[in-house]
Amino acid sequence: MCNDVLRFSPPPFSFFLFCTTGAFKGTSDPFAVVTRLSTKPGQQPKVLGKTEVIKNSLSPNWVKVFVLDYELGTACTIAINIFDEVKKSNNINMGSALMDVGQILGTRGNIRAKKMKNGGM
């Protein structure tokens, strides 16, 4: 059994977000939380980390890199949840997407776009 280390970085994903601040209140301050979902019964999901906040953007380009162990040919799903940072209240959910790591690695340029639930693309 050989484990390859995969460097996963959100920038290959295309995110076009809807503004959550409301009309005439500017744009959003998005950040992403990346979680590796469990593949075995009884295994807990593992939060890989959080990106930096991109101020006043609906098309963020994050530079944070996430490292995870991935064995070629095995199932590995990551959840990407996008939030709008709100300083004086709870952060606002902008959308989420599930991605299969094997499918990402199998695409040309390791780039994959996916329509988000409750959000943009």
PDB file of N, CA and C in Angstrom:
ATOM      1  N   MET A   1       0.850  -1.175   0.000  1.00  0.00           N
ATOM      2  CA  MET A   1       0.000   0.000   0.000  1.00  0.00           C
ATOM      3  C   MET A   1       0.896   1.239   0.000  1.00  0.00           C
ATOM      4  N   CYS A   2       0.755   2.048  -1.007  1.00  0.00           N
ATOM      5  CA  CYS A   2       1.595   3.243  -1.156  1.00  0.00           C
ATOM      6  C   CYS A   2       0.735   4.488  -0.998  1.00  0.00           C
ATOM      7  N   ASN A   3       1.104   5.349  -0.088  1.00  0.00           N
ATOM      8  CA  ASN A   3       0.375   6.606   0.094  1.00  0.00           C
ATOM      9  C   ASN A   3       1.131   7.732  -0.587  1.00  0.00           C
ATOM     10  N   ASP A   4       0.482   8.392  -1.496  1.00  0.00           N
ATOM     11  CA  ASP A   4       1.053   9.574  -2.127  1.00  0.00           C
ATOM     12  C   ASP A   4       0.530  10.793  -1.391  1.00  0.00           C
ATOM     13  N   VAL A   5       1.366  11.797  -1.265  1.00  0.00           N
ATOM     14  CA  VAL A   5       0.924  13.037  -0.637  1.00  0.00           C
ATOM     15  C   VAL A   5       0.392  13.948  -1.725  1.00  0.00           C
ATOM     16  N   LEU A   6      -0.809  14.385  -1.545  1.00  0.00           N
ATOM     17  CA  LEU A   6      -1.459  15.268  -2.513  1.00  0.00           C
ATOM     18  C   LEU A   6      -1.448  16.672  -1.952  1.00  0.00           C
ATOM     19  N   ARG A   7      -0.954  17.597  -2.728  1.00  0.00           N
ATOM     20  CA  ARG A   7      -1.045  19.006  -2.344  1.00  0.00           C
ATOM     21  C   ARG A   7      -2.307  19.546  -2.997  1.00  0.00           C
ATOM     22  N   PHE A   8      -3.255  19.885  -2.172  1.00  0.00           N
ATOM     23  CA  PHE A   8      -4.536  20.383  -2.660  1.00  0.00           C
ATOM     24  C   PHE A   8      -4.618  21.861  -2.375  1.00  0.00           C
ATOM     25  N   SER A   9      -4.895  22.615  -3.399  1.00  0.00           N
ATOM     26  CA  SER A   9      -5.020  24.055  -3.237  1.00  0.00           C
ATOM     27  C   SER A   9      -6.315  24.510  -3.884  1.00  0.00           C
ATOM     28  N   PRO A  10      -7.146  25.300  -3.200  1.00  0.00           N
ATOM     29  CA  PRO A  10      -8.403  25.744  -3.777  1.00  0.00           C
ATOM     30  C   PRO A  10      -8.323  26.495  -5.105  1.00  0.00           C
ATOM     31  N   PRO A  11      -7.217  27.216  -5.443  1.00  0.00           N
ATOM     32  CA  PRO A  11      -7.263  27.976  -6.679  1.00  0.00           C
ATOM     33  C   PRO A  11      -7.653  27.231  -7.950  1.00  0.00           C
ATOM     34  N   PRO A  12      -7.397  25.882  -8.079  1.00  0.00           N
ATOM     35  CA  PRO A  12      -7.864  25.230  -9.296  1.00  0.00           C
ATOM     36  C   PRO A  12      -9.381  25.213  -9.430  1.00  0.00           C
ATOM     37  N   PHE A  13     -10.093  25.497  -8.359  1.00  0.00           N
ATOM     38  CA  PHE A  13     -11.538  25.496  -8.428  1.00  0.00           C
ATOM     39  C   PHE A  13     -12.042  26.865  -8.820  1.00  0.00           C
ATOM     40  N   SER A  14     -13.006  26.889  -9.719  1.00  0.00           N
ATOM     41  CA  SER A  14     -13.598  28.149 -10.146  1.00  0.00           C
ATOM     42  C   SER A  14     -14.777  28.473  -9.236  1.00  0.00           C
ATOM     43  N   PHE A  15     -14.675  29.564  -8.518  1.00  0.00           N
ATOM     44  CA  PHE A  15     -15.763  29.990  -7.652  1.00  0.00           C
ATOM     45  C   PHE A  15     -16.280  31.338  -8.114  1.00  0.00           C
ATOM     46  N   PHE A  16     -17.539  31.377  -8.451  1.00  0.00           N
ATOM     47  CA  PHE A  16     -18.219  32.623  -8.758  1.00  0.00           C
ATOM     48  C   PHE A  16     -19.368  32.685  -7.764  1.00  0.00           C
ATOM     49  N   LEU A  17     -19.320  33.628  -6.866  1.00  0.00           N
ATOM     50  CA  LEU A  17     -20.230  33.652  -5.736  1.00  0.00           C
ATOM     51  C   LEU A  17     -21.285  34.734  -5.866  1.00  0.00           C
ATOM     52  N   PHE A  18     -22.399  34.505  -5.194  1.00  0.00           N
ATOM     53  CA  PHE A  18     -23.448  35.512  -5.104  1.00  0.00           C
ATOM     54  C   PHE A  18     -23.199  36.342  -3.859  1.00  0.00           C
ATOM     55  N   CYS A  19     -23.424  37.626  -3.949  1.00  0.00           N
ATOM     56  CA  CYS A  19     -23.217  38.533  -2.819  1.00  0.00           C
ATOM     57  C   CYS A  19     -24.227  38.219  -1.721  1.00  0.00           C
ATOM     58  N   THR A  20     -23.752  38.125  -0.490  1.00  0.00           N
ATOM     59  CA  THR A  20     -24.650  37.827   0.627  1.00  0.00           C
ATOM     60  C   THR A  20     -24.893  39.042   1.513  1.00  0.00           C
ATOM     61  N   THR A  21     -24.285  40.169   1.175  1.00  0.00           N
ATOM     62  CA  THR A  21     -24.424  41.343   2.026  1.00  0.00           C
ATOM     63  C   THR A  21     -25.707  42.113   1.761  1.00  0.00           C
ATOM     64  N   GLY A  22     -26.341  41.862   0.645  1.00  0.00           N
ATOM     65  CA  GLY A  22     -27.563  42.577   0.317  1.00  0.00           C
ATOM     66  C   GLY A  22     -27.289  43.732  -0.634  1.00  0.00           C
ATOM     67  N   ALA A  23     -28.356  44.285  -1.176  1.00  0.00           N
ATOM     68  CA  ALA A  23     -28.235  45.365  -2.154  1.00  0.00           C
ATOM     69  C   ALA A  23     -27.589  46.594  -1.534  1.00  0.00           C
ATOM     70  N   PHE A  24     -26.684  47.203  -2.267  1.00  0.00           N
ATOM     71  CA  PHE A  24     -26.040  48.467  -1.906  1.00  0.00           C
ATOM     72  C   PHE A  24     -25.154  48.378  -0.653  1.00  0.00           C
ATOM     73  N   LYS A  25     -24.723  47.178  -0.274  1.00  0.00           N
ATOM     74  CA  LYS A  25     -23.887  47.031   0.908  1.00  0.00           C
ATOM     75  C   LYS A  25     -22.493  46.512   0.573  1.00  0.00           C
ATOM     76  N   GLY A  26     -22.089  46.529  -0.688  1.00  0.00           N
ATOM     77  CA  GLY A  26     -20.753  46.081  -1.049  1.00  0.00           C
ATOM     78  C   GLY A  26     -20.718  44.632  -1.473  1.00  0.00           C
ATOM     79  N   THR A  27     -19.536  44.053  -1.369  1.00  0.00           N
ATOM     80  CA  THR A  27     -19.373  42.658  -1.759  1.00  0.00           C
ATOM     81  C   THR A  27     -19.086  41.822  -0.511  1.00  0.00           C
ATOM     82  N   SER A  28     -18.818  40.555  -0.740  1.00  0.00           N
ATOM     83  CA  SER A  28     -18.579  39.634   0.361  1.00  0.00           C
ATOM     84  C   SER A  28     -17.089  39.498   0.660  1.00  0.00           C
ATOM     85  N   ASP A  29     -16.790  38.906   1.809  1.00  0.00           N
ATOM     86  CA  ASP A  29     -15.421  38.626   2.246  1.00  0.00           C
ATOM     87  C   ASP A  29     -15.292  37.112   2.409  1.00  0.00           C
ATOM     88  N   PRO A  30     -15.163  36.358   1.307  1.00  0.00           N
ATOM     89  CA  PRO A  30     -15.237  34.901   1.375  1.00  0.00           C
ATOM     90  C   PRO A  30     -13.967  34.223   1.894  1.00  0.00           C
ATOM     91  N   PHE A  31     -14.189  33.083   2.526  1.00  0.00           N
ATOM     92  CA  PHE A  31     -13.125  32.154   2.880  1.00  0.00           C
ATOM     93  C   PHE A  31     -13.700  30.750   2.743  1.00  0.00           C
ATOM     94  N   ALA A  32     -12.824  29.756   2.614  1.00  0.00           N
ATOM     95  CA  ALA A  32     -13.258  28.370   2.429  1.00  0.00           C
ATOM     96  C   ALA A  32     -12.755  27.505   3.576  1.00  0.00           C
ATOM     97  N   VAL A  33     -13.575  26.528   3.951  1.00  0.00           N
ATOM     98  CA  VAL A  33     -13.177  25.497   4.908  1.00  0.00           C
ATOM     99  C   VAL A  33     -13.180  24.182   4.136  1.00  0.00           C
ATOM    100  N   VAL A  34     -12.043  23.478   4.154  1.00  0.00           N
ATOM    101  CA  VAL A  34     -11.892  22.241   3.396  1.00  0.00           C
ATOM    102  C   VAL A  34     -11.851  21.071   4.378  1.00  0.00           C
ATOM    103  N   THR A  35     -12.722  20.075   4.126  1.00  0.00           N
ATOM    104  CA  THR A  35     -12.843  18.919   5.006  1.00  0.00           C
ATOM    105  C   THR A  35     -12.729  17.636   4.195  1.00  0.00           C
ATOM    106  N   ARG A  36     -11.907  16.707   4.676  1.00  0.00           N
ATOM    107  CA  ARG A  36     -11.833  15.374   4.061  1.00  0.00           C
ATOM    108  C   ARG A  36     -12.912  14.527   4.719  1.00  0.00           C
ATOM    109  N   LEU A  37     -13.824  13.995   3.903  1.00  0.00           N
ATOM    110  CA  LEU A  37     -14.927  13.205   4.442  1.00  0.00           C
ATOM    111  C   LEU A  37     -14.458  11.793   4.755  1.00  0.00           C
ATOM    112  N   SER A  38     -15.159  11.136   5.666  1.00  0.00           N
ATOM    113  CA  SER A  38     -14.782   9.787   6.070  1.00  0.00           C
ATOM    114  C   SER A  38     -15.056   8.802   4.943  1.00  0.00           C
ATOM    115  N   THR A  39     -14.215   7.786   4.856  1.00  0.00           N
ATOM    116  CA  THR A  39     -14.370   6.754   3.825  1.00  0.00           C
ATOM    117  C   THR A  39     -14.705   5.402   4.426  1.00  0.00           C
ATOM    118  N   LYS A  40     -14.549   5.287   5.752  1.00  0.00           N
ATOM    119  CA  LYS A  40     -14.811   4.027   6.435  1.00  0.00           C
ATOM    120  C   LYS A  40     -15.855   4.247   7.519  1.00  0.00           C
ATOM    121  N   PRO A  41     -16.679   3.228   7.797  1.00  0.00           N
ATOM    122  CA  PRO A  41     -17.662   3.362   8.879  1.00  0.00           C
ATOM    123  C   PRO A  41     -16.972   3.669  10.204  1.00  0.00           C
ATOM    124  N   GLY A  42     -17.532   4.605  10.946  1.00  0.00           N
ATOM    125  CA  GLY A  42     -16.991   4.977  12.234  1.00  0.00           C
ATOM    126  C   GLY A  42     -15.877   6.002  12.176  1.00  0.00           C
ATOM    127  N   GLN A  43     -15.375   6.293  10.974  1.00  0.00           N
ATOM    128  CA  GLN A  43     -14.306   7.281  10.820  1.00  0.00           C
ATOM    129  C   GLN A  43     -14.920   8.684  10.773  1.00  0.00           C
ATOM    130  N   GLN A  44     -14.294   9.617  11.444  1.00  0.00           N
ATOM    131  CA  GLN A  44     -14.787  10.983  11.501  1.00  0.00           C
ATOM    132  C   GLN A  44     -14.200  11.820  10.360  1.00  0.00           C
ATOM    133  N   PRO A  45     -14.967  12.782   9.842  1.00  0.00           N
ATOM    134  CA  PRO A  45     -14.402  13.710   8.852  1.00  0.00           C
ATOM    135  C   PRO A  45     -13.261  14.498   9.485  1.00  0.00           C
ATOM    136  N   LYS A  46     -12.296  14.917   8.666  1.00  0.00           N
ATOM    137  CA  LYS A  46     -11.149  15.670   9.176  1.00  0.00           C
ATOM    138  C   LYS A  46     -11.087  17.023   8.485  1.00  0.00           C
ATOM    139  N   VAL A  47     -11.170  18.093   9.276  1.00  0.00           N
ATOM    140  CA  VAL A  47     -11.033  19.439   8.718  1.00  0.00           C
ATOM    141  C   VAL A  47      -9.562  19.640   8.370  1.00  0.00           C
ATOM    142  N   LEU A  48      -9.289  19.896   7.090  1.00  0.00           N
ATOM    143  CA  LEU A  48      -7.916  20.100   6.635  1.00  0.00           C
ATOM    144  C   LEU A  48      -7.444  21.520   6.893  1.00  0.00           C
ATOM    145  N   GLY A  49      -8.399  22.447   6.970  1.00  0.00           N
ATOM    146  CA  GLY A  49      -8.023  23.816   7.265  1.00  0.00           C
ATOM    147  C   GLY A  49      -8.961  24.826   6.642  1.00  0.00           C
ATOM    148  N   LYS A  50      -8.549  26.072   6.783  1.00  0.00           N
ATOM    149  CA  LYS A  50      -9.343  27.219   6.328  1.00  0.00           C
ATOM    150  C   LYS A  50      -8.436  28.121   5.501  1.00  0.00           C
ATOM    151  N   THR A  51      -8.974  28.666   4.444  1.00  0.00           N
ATOM    152  CA  THR A  51      -8.216  29.604   3.620  1.00  0.00           C
ATOM    153  C   THR A  51      -8.198  30.974   4.278  1.00  0.00           C
ATOM    154  N   GLU A  52      -7.421  31.846   3.713  1.00  0.00           N
ATOM    155  CA  GLU A  52      -7.439  33.237   4.149  1.00  0.00           C
ATOM    156  C   GLU A  52      -8.720  33.896   3.639  1.00  0.00           C
ATOM    157  N   VAL A  53      -9.117  34.973   4.269  1.00  0.00           N
ATOM    158  CA  VAL A  53     -10.290  35.745   3.841  1.00  0.00           C
ATOM    159  C   VAL A  53      -9.855  36.679   2.717  1.00  0.00           C
ATOM    160  N   ILE A  54     -10.624  36.694   1.624  1.00  0.00           N
ATOM    161  CA  ILE A  54     -10.372  37.623   0.518  1.00  0.00           C
ATOM    162  C   ILE A  54     -11.412  38.732   0.638  1.00  0.00           C
ATOM    163  N   LYS A  55     -10.959  39.913   0.970  1.00  0.00           N
ATOM    164  CA  LYS A  55     -11.869  41.035   1.205  1.00  0.00           C
ATOM    165  C   LYS A  55     -12.496  41.536  -0.093  1.00  0.00           C
ATOM    166  N   ASN A  56     -13.774  41.864  -0.024  1.00  0.00           N
ATOM    167  CA  ASN A  56     -14.527  42.503  -1.115  1.00  0.00           C
ATOM    168  C   ASN A  56     -14.381  41.774  -2.445  1.00  0.00           C
ATOM    169  N   SER A  57     -14.694  40.477  -2.463  1.00  0.00           N
ATOM    170  CA  SER A  57     -14.543  39.692  -3.684  1.00  0.00           C
ATOM    171  C   SER A  57     -15.688  38.696  -3.840  1.00  0.00           C
ATOM    172  N   LEU A  58     -16.132  38.535  -5.080  1.00  0.00           N
ATOM    173  CA  LEU A  58     -17.083  37.483  -5.414  1.00  0.00           C
ATOM    174  C   LEU A  58     -16.424  36.448  -6.325  1.00  0.00           C
ATOM    175  N   SER A  59     -15.138  36.620  -6.579  1.00  0.00           N
ATOM    176  CA  SER A  59     -14.366  35.671  -7.379  1.00  0.00           C
ATOM    177  C   SER A  59     -12.994  35.481  -6.719  1.00  0.00           C
ATOM    178  N   PRO A  60     -12.978  34.828  -5.536  1.00  0.00           N
ATOM    179  CA  PRO A  60     -11.734  34.727  -4.767  1.00  0.00           C
ATOM    180  C   PRO A  60     -10.711  33.800  -5.415  1.00  0.00           C
ATOM    181  N   ASN A  61      -9.453  34.097  -5.178  1.00  0.00           N
ATOM    182  CA  ASN A  61      -8.349  33.255  -5.622  1.00  0.00           C
ATOM    183  C   ASN A  61      -7.459  33.032  -4.400  1.00  0.00           C
ATOM    184  N   TRP A  62      -7.707  31.915  -3.689  1.00  0.00           N
ATOM    185  CA  TRP A  62      -6.971  31.632  -2.462  1.00  0.00           C
ATOM    186  C   TRP A  62      -5.615  31.023  -2.779  1.00  0.00           C
ATOM    187  N   VAL A  63      -4.651  31.236  -1.891  1.00  0.00           N
ATOM    188  CA  VAL A  63      -3.315  30.685  -2.084  1.00  0.00           C
ATOM    189  C   VAL A  63      -2.973  29.617  -1.038  1.00  0.00           C
ATOM    190  N   LYS A  64      -3.822  29.393  -0.075  1.00  0.00           N
ATOM    191  CA  LYS A  64      -3.604  28.380   0.961  1.00  0.00           C
ATOM    192  C   LYS A  64      -3.515  26.993   0.328  1.00  0.00           C
ATOM    193  N   VAL A  65      -2.556  26.189   0.766  1.00  0.00           N
ATOM    194  CA  VAL A  65      -2.367  24.825   0.272  1.00  0.00           C
ATOM    195  C   VAL A  65      -2.706  23.852   1.395  1.00  0.00           C
ATOM    196  N   PHE A  66      -3.443  22.794   1.049  1.00  0.00           N
ATOM    197  CA  PHE A  66      -3.803  21.757   2.005  1.00  0.00           C
ATOM    198  C   PHE A  66      -3.098  20.464   1.593  1.00  0.00           C
ATOM    199  N   VAL A  67      -2.469  19.790   2.551  1.00  0.00           N
ATOM    200  CA  VAL A  67      -1.760  18.546   2.274  1.00  0.00           C
ATOM    201  C   VAL A  67      -2.544  17.402   2.901  1.00  0.00           C
ATOM    202  N   LEU A  68      -2.780  16.328   2.115  1.00  0.00           N
ATOM    203  CA  LEU A  68      -3.468  15.158   2.632  1.00  0.00           C
ATOM    204  C   LEU A  68      -2.872  13.911   2.014  1.00  0.00           C
ATOM    205  N   ASP A  69      -2.973  12.798   2.741  1.00  0.00           N
ATOM    206  CA  ASP A  69      -2.533  11.509   2.203  1.00  0.00           C
ATOM    207  C   ASP A  69      -3.620  10.985   1.289  1.00  0.00           C
ATOM    208  N   TYR A  70      -3.203  10.503   0.114  1.00  0.00           N
ATOM    209  CA  TYR A  70      -4.159   9.958  -0.844  1.00  0.00           C
ATOM    210  C   TYR A  70      -3.525   8.769  -1.536  1.00  0.00           C
ATOM    211  N   GLU A  71      -4.215   7.652  -1.505  1.00  0.00           N
ATOM    212  CA  GLU A  71      -3.753   6.450  -2.196  1.00  0.00           C
ATOM    213  C   GLU A  71      -4.484   6.377  -3.534  1.00  0.00           C
ATOM    214  N   LEU A  72      -3.720   6.340  -4.617  1.00  0.00           N
ATOM    215  CA  LEU A  72      -4.320   6.291  -5.950  1.00  0.00           C
ATOM    216  C   LEU A  72      -5.303   5.142  -6.056  1.00  0.00           C
ATOM    217  N   GLY A  73      -6.462   5.422  -6.625  1.00  0.00           N
ATOM    218  CA  GLY A  73      -7.479   4.404  -6.841  1.00  0.00           C
ATOM    219  C   GLY A  73      -8.445   4.217  -5.686  1.00  0.00           C
ATOM    220  N   THR A  74      -8.242   4.907  -4.590  1.00  0.00           N
ATOM    221  CA  THR A  74      -9.168   4.788  -3.467  1.00  0.00           C
ATOM    222  C   THR A  74     -10.108   5.991  -3.447  1.00  0.00           C
ATOM    223  N   ALA A  75     -11.244   5.791  -2.815  1.00  0.00           N
ATOM    224  CA  ALA A  75     -12.216   6.876  -2.711  1.00  0.00           C
ATOM    225  C   ALA A  75     -11.740   7.913  -1.701  1.00  0.00           C
ATOM    226  N   CYS A  76     -11.797   9.163  -2.094  1.00  0.00           N
ATOM    227  CA  CYS A  76     -11.429  10.263  -1.205  1.00  0.00           C
ATOM    228  C   CYS A  76     -12.244  11.475  -1.624  1.00  0.00           C
ATOM    229  N   THR A  77     -13.150  11.893  -0.775  1.00  0.00           N
ATOM    230  CA  THR A  77     -14.019  13.025  -1.078  1.00  0.00           C
ATOM    231  C   THR A  77     -13.711  14.168  -0.127  1.00  0.00           C
ATOM    232  N   ILE A  78     -13.647  15.356  -0.698  1.00  0.00           N
ATOM    233  CA  ILE A  78     -13.453  16.544   0.120  1.00  0.00           C
ATOM    234  C   ILE A  78     -14.691  17.435  -0.005  1.00  0.00           C
ATOM    235  N   ALA A  79     -15.013  18.088   1.086  1.00  0.00           N
ATOM    236  CA  ALA A  79     -16.115  19.052   1.108  1.00  0.00           C
ATOM    237  C   ALA A  79     -15.495  20.436   1.198  1.00  0.00           C
ATOM    238  N   ILE A  80     -15.972  21.338   0.347  1.00  0.00           N
ATOM    239  CA  ILE A  80     -15.509  22.715   0.366  1.00  0.00           C
ATOM    240  C   ILE A  80     -16.717  23.575   0.725  1.00  0.00           C
ATOM    241  N   ASN A  81     -16.635  24.241   1.863  1.00  0.00           N
ATOM    242  CA  ASN A  81     -17.708  25.121   2.318  1.00  0.00           C
ATOM    243  C   ASN A  81     -17.206  26.554   2.264  1.00  0.00           C
ATOM    244  N   ILE A  82     -17.954  27.410   1.600  1.00  0.00           N
ATOM    245  CA  ILE A  82     -17.581  28.809   1.429  1.00  0.00           C
ATOM    246  C   ILE A  82     -18.448  29.662   2.354  1.00  0.00           C
ATOM    247  N   PHE A  83     -17.796  30.566   3.067  1.00  0.00           N
ATOM    248  CA  PHE A  83     -18.498  31.456   3.993  1.00  0.00           C
ATOM    249  C   PHE A  83     -18.126  32.905   3.708  1.00  0.00           C
ATOM    250  N   ASP A  84     -19.044  33.804   4.040  1.00  0.00           N
ATOM    251  CA  ASP A  84     -18.782  35.239   4.019  1.00  0.00           C
ATOM    252  C   ASP A  84     -18.441  35.626   5.451  1.00  0.00           C
ATOM    253  N   GLU A  85     -17.241  36.185   5.658  1.00  0.00           N
ATOM    254  CA  GLU A  85     -16.833  36.574   6.998  1.00  0.00           C
ATOM    255  C   GLU A  85     -17.646  37.788   7.451  1.00  0.00           C
ATOM    256  N   VAL A  86     -18.228  37.653   8.632  1.00  0.00           N
ATOM    257  CA  VAL A  86     -19.004  38.741   9.240  1.00  0.00           C
ATOM    258  C   VAL A  86     -18.386  38.994  10.605  1.00  0.00           C
ATOM    259  N   LYS A  87     -17.864  40.184  10.810  1.00  0.00           N
ATOM    260  CA  LYS A  87     -17.146  40.502  12.046  1.00  0.00           C
ATOM    261  C   LYS A  87     -18.052  40.560  13.275  1.00  0.00           C
ATOM    262  N   LYS A  88     -19.241  41.116  13.150  1.00  0.00           N
ATOM    263  CA  LYS A  88     -20.081  41.358  14.322  1.00  0.00           C
ATOM    264  C   LYS A  88     -21.213  40.349  14.476  1.00  0.00           C
ATOM    265  N   SER A  89     -21.163  39.246  13.726  1.00  0.00           N
ATOM    266  CA  SER A  89     -22.229  38.261  13.769  1.00  0.00           C
ATOM    267  C   SER A  89     -21.669  36.913  13.321  1.00  0.00           C
ATOM    268  N   ASN A  90     -22.548  35.958  13.097  1.00  0.00           N
ATOM    269  CA  ASN A  90     -22.122  34.659  12.573  1.00  0.00           C
ATOM    270  C   ASN A  90     -21.775  34.788  11.097  1.00  0.00           C
ATOM    271  N   ASN A  91     -20.774  34.027  10.657  1.00  0.00           N
ATOM    272  CA  ASN A  91     -20.425  34.004   9.244  1.00  0.00           C
ATOM    273  C   ASN A  91     -21.593  33.454   8.438  1.00  0.00           C
ATOM    274  N   ILE A  92     -21.736  33.917   7.198  1.00  0.00           N
ATOM    275  CA  ILE A  92     -22.860  33.535   6.349  1.00  0.00           C
ATOM    276  C   ILE A  92     -22.398  32.466   5.364  1.00  0.00           C
ATOM    277  N   ASN A  93     -23.147  31.353   5.308  1.00  0.00           N
ATOM    278  CA  ASN A  93     -22.853  30.279   4.368  1.00  0.00           C
ATOM    279  C   ASN A  93     -23.165  30.749   2.946  1.00  0.00           C
ATOM    280  N   MET A  94     -22.176  30.699   2.061  1.00  0.00           N
ATOM    281  CA  MET A  94     -22.360  31.125   0.674  1.00  0.00           C
ATOM    282  C   MET A  94     -22.579  29.949  -0.266  1.00  0.00           C
ATOM    283  N   GLY A  95     -22.219  28.743   0.165  1.00  0.00           N
ATOM    284  CA  GLY A  95     -22.392  27.568  -0.671  1.00  0.00           C
ATOM    285  C   GLY A  95     -21.393  26.491  -0.311  1.00  0.00           C
ATOM    286  N   SER A  96     -21.585  25.309  -0.911  1.00  0.00           N
ATOM    287  CA  SER A  96     -20.690  24.195  -0.652  1.00  0.00           C
ATOM    288  C   SER A  96     -20.643  23.280  -1.859  1.00  0.00           C
ATOM    289  N   ALA A  97     -19.598  22.469  -1.925  1.00  0.00           N
ATOM    290  CA  ALA A  97     -19.453  21.501  -3.007  1.00  0.00           C
ATOM    291  C   ALA A  97     -18.683  20.297  -2.495  1.00  0.00           C
ATOM    292  N   LEU A  98     -19.000  19.123  -3.046  1.00  0.00           N
ATOM    293  CA  LEU A  98     -18.261  17.901  -2.767  1.00  0.00           C
ATOM    294  C   LEU A  98     -17.427  17.567  -3.996  1.00  0.00           C
ATOM    295  N   MET A  99     -16.172  17.209  -3.777  1.00  0.00           N
ATOM    296  CA  MET A  99     -15.272  16.884  -4.881  1.00  0.00           C
ATOM    297  C   MET A  99     -14.585  15.557  -4.596  1.00  0.00           C
ATOM    298  N   ASP A 100     -14.481  14.717  -5.619  1.00  0.00           N
ATOM    299  CA  ASP A 100     -13.740  13.476  -5.529  1.00  0.00           C
ATOM    300  C   ASP A 100     -12.298  13.759  -5.948  1.00  0.00           C
ATOM    301  N   VAL A 101     -11.347  13.476  -5.061  1.00  0.00           N
ATOM    302  CA  VAL A 101      -9.940  13.787  -5.330  1.00  0.00           C
ATOM    303  C   VAL A 101      -9.449  13.062  -6.575  1.00  0.00           C
ATOM    304  N   GLY A 102      -9.841  11.797  -6.753  1.00  0.00           N
ATOM    305  CA  GLY A 102      -9.427  11.039  -7.936  1.00  0.00           C
ATOM    306  C   GLY A 102      -9.896  11.674  -9.234  1.00  0.00           C
ATOM    307  N   GLN A 103     -11.109  12.222  -9.238  1.00  0.00           N
ATOM    308  CA  GLN A 103     -11.620  12.892 -10.435  1.00  0.00           C
ATOM    309  C   GLN A 103     -10.853  14.173 -10.714  1.00  0.00           C
ATOM    310  N   ILE A 104     -10.476  14.887  -9.670  1.00  0.00           N
ATOM    311  CA  ILE A 104      -9.703  16.114  -9.860  1.00  0.00           C
ATOM    312  C   ILE A 104      -8.356  15.779 -10.481  1.00  0.00           C
ATOM    313  N   LEU A 105      -7.697  14.760  -9.929  1.00  0.00           N
ATOM    314  CA  LEU A 105      -6.380  14.375 -10.444  1.00  0.00           C
ATOM    315  C   LEU A 105      -6.462  13.799 -11.851  1.00  0.00           C
ATOM    316  N   GLY A 106      -7.625  13.276 -12.226  1.00  0.00           N
ATOM    317  CA  GLY A 106      -7.794  12.695 -13.550  1.00  0.00           C
ATOM    318  C   GLY A 106      -8.154  13.695 -14.636  1.00  0.00           C
ATOM    319  N   THR A 107      -8.369  14.943 -14.288  1.00  0.00           N
ATOM    320  CA  THR A 107      -8.723  15.948 -15.289  1.00  0.00           C
ATOM    321  C   THR A 107      -7.473  16.659 -15.793  1.00  0.00           C
ATOM    322  N   ARG A 108      -7.582  17.183 -16.977  1.00  0.00           N
ATOM    323  CA  ARG A 108      -6.471  17.914 -17.573  1.00  0.00           C
ATOM    324  C   ARG A 108      -6.152  19.144 -16.722  1.00  0.00           C
ATOM    325  N   GLY A 109      -4.918  19.265 -16.316  1.00  0.00           N
ATOM    326  CA  GLY A 109      -4.492  20.388 -15.495  1.00  0.00           C
ATOM    327  C   GLY A 109      -4.927  20.299 -14.041  1.00  0.00           C
ATOM    328  N   ASN A 110      -5.544  19.162 -13.659  1.00  0.00           N
ATOM    329  CA  ASN A 110      -6.048  18.968 -12.291  1.00  0.00           C
ATOM    330  C   ASN A 110      -6.982  20.095 -11.869  1.00  0.00           C
ATOM    331  N   ILE A 111      -7.829  20.528 -12.801  1.00  0.00           N
ATOM    332  CA  ILE A 111      -8.772  21.613 -12.547  1.00  0.00           C
ATOM    333  C   ILE A 111     -10.187  21.068 -12.688  1.00  0.00           C
ATOM    334  N   ARG A 112     -11.040  21.433 -11.738  1.00  0.00           N
ATOM    335  CA  ARG A 112     -12.423  20.968 -11.786  1.00  0.00           C
ATOM    336  C   ARG A 112     -13.335  22.059 -11.240  1.00  0.00           C
ATOM    337  N   ALA A 113     -14.379  22.362 -11.981  1.00  0.00           N
ATOM    338  CA  ALA A 113     -15.390  23.317 -11.524  1.00  0.00           C
ATOM    339  C   ALA A 113     -16.671  22.541 -11.239  1.00  0.00           C
ATOM    340  N   LYS A 114     -17.398  23.003 -10.258  1.00  0.00           N
ATOM    341  CA  LYS A 114     -18.623  22.319  -9.887  1.00  0.00           C
ATOM    342  C   LYS A 114     -19.614  23.334  -9.350  1.00  0.00           C
ATOM    343  N   LYS A 115     -20.878  23.150  -9.699  1.00  0.00           N
ATOM    344  CA  LYS A 115     -21.917  24.038  -9.172  1.00  0.00           C
ATOM    345  C   LYS A 115     -22.089  23.783  -7.683  1.00  0.00           C
ATOM    346  N   MET A 116     -22.109  24.862  -6.929  1.00  0.00           N
ATOM    347  CA  MET A 116     -22.227  24.738  -5.481  1.00  0.00           C
ATOM    348  C   MET A 116     -23.673  24.669  -5.045  1.00  0.00           C
ATOM    349  N   LYS A 117     -23.893  23.967  -3.939  1.00  0.00           N
ATOM    350  CA  LYS A 117     -25.220  23.958  -3.316  1.00  0.00           C
ATOM    351  C   LYS A 117     -25.381  25.275  -2.585  1.00  0.00           C
ATOM    352  N   ASN A 118     -26.529  25.913  -2.728  1.00  0.00           N
ATOM    353  CA  ASN A 118     -26.834  27.183  -2.052  1.00  0.00           C
ATOM    354  C   ASN A 118     -25.902  28.313  -2.457  1.00  0.00           C
ATOM    355  N   GLY A 119     -25.419  28.312  -3.668  1.00  0.00           N
ATOM    356  CA  GLY A 119     -24.497  29.389  -4.030  1.00  0.00           C
ATOM    357  C   GLY A 119     -24.229  29.460  -5.509  1.00  0.00           C
ATOM    358  N   GLY A 120     -23.078  30.017  -5.832  1.00  0.00           N
ATOM    359  CA  GLY A 120     -22.673  30.216  -7.219  1.00  0.00           C
ATOM    360  C   GLY A 120     -21.998  28.995  -7.790  1.00  0.00           C
ATOM    361  N   MET A 121     -20.946  29.235  -8.566  1.00  0.00           N
ATOM    362  CA  MET A 121     -20.225  28.125  -9.192  1.00  0.00           C
ATOM    363  C   MET A 121     -18.749  28.308  -8.980  1.00  0.00           C
TER     364      MET A 121
END
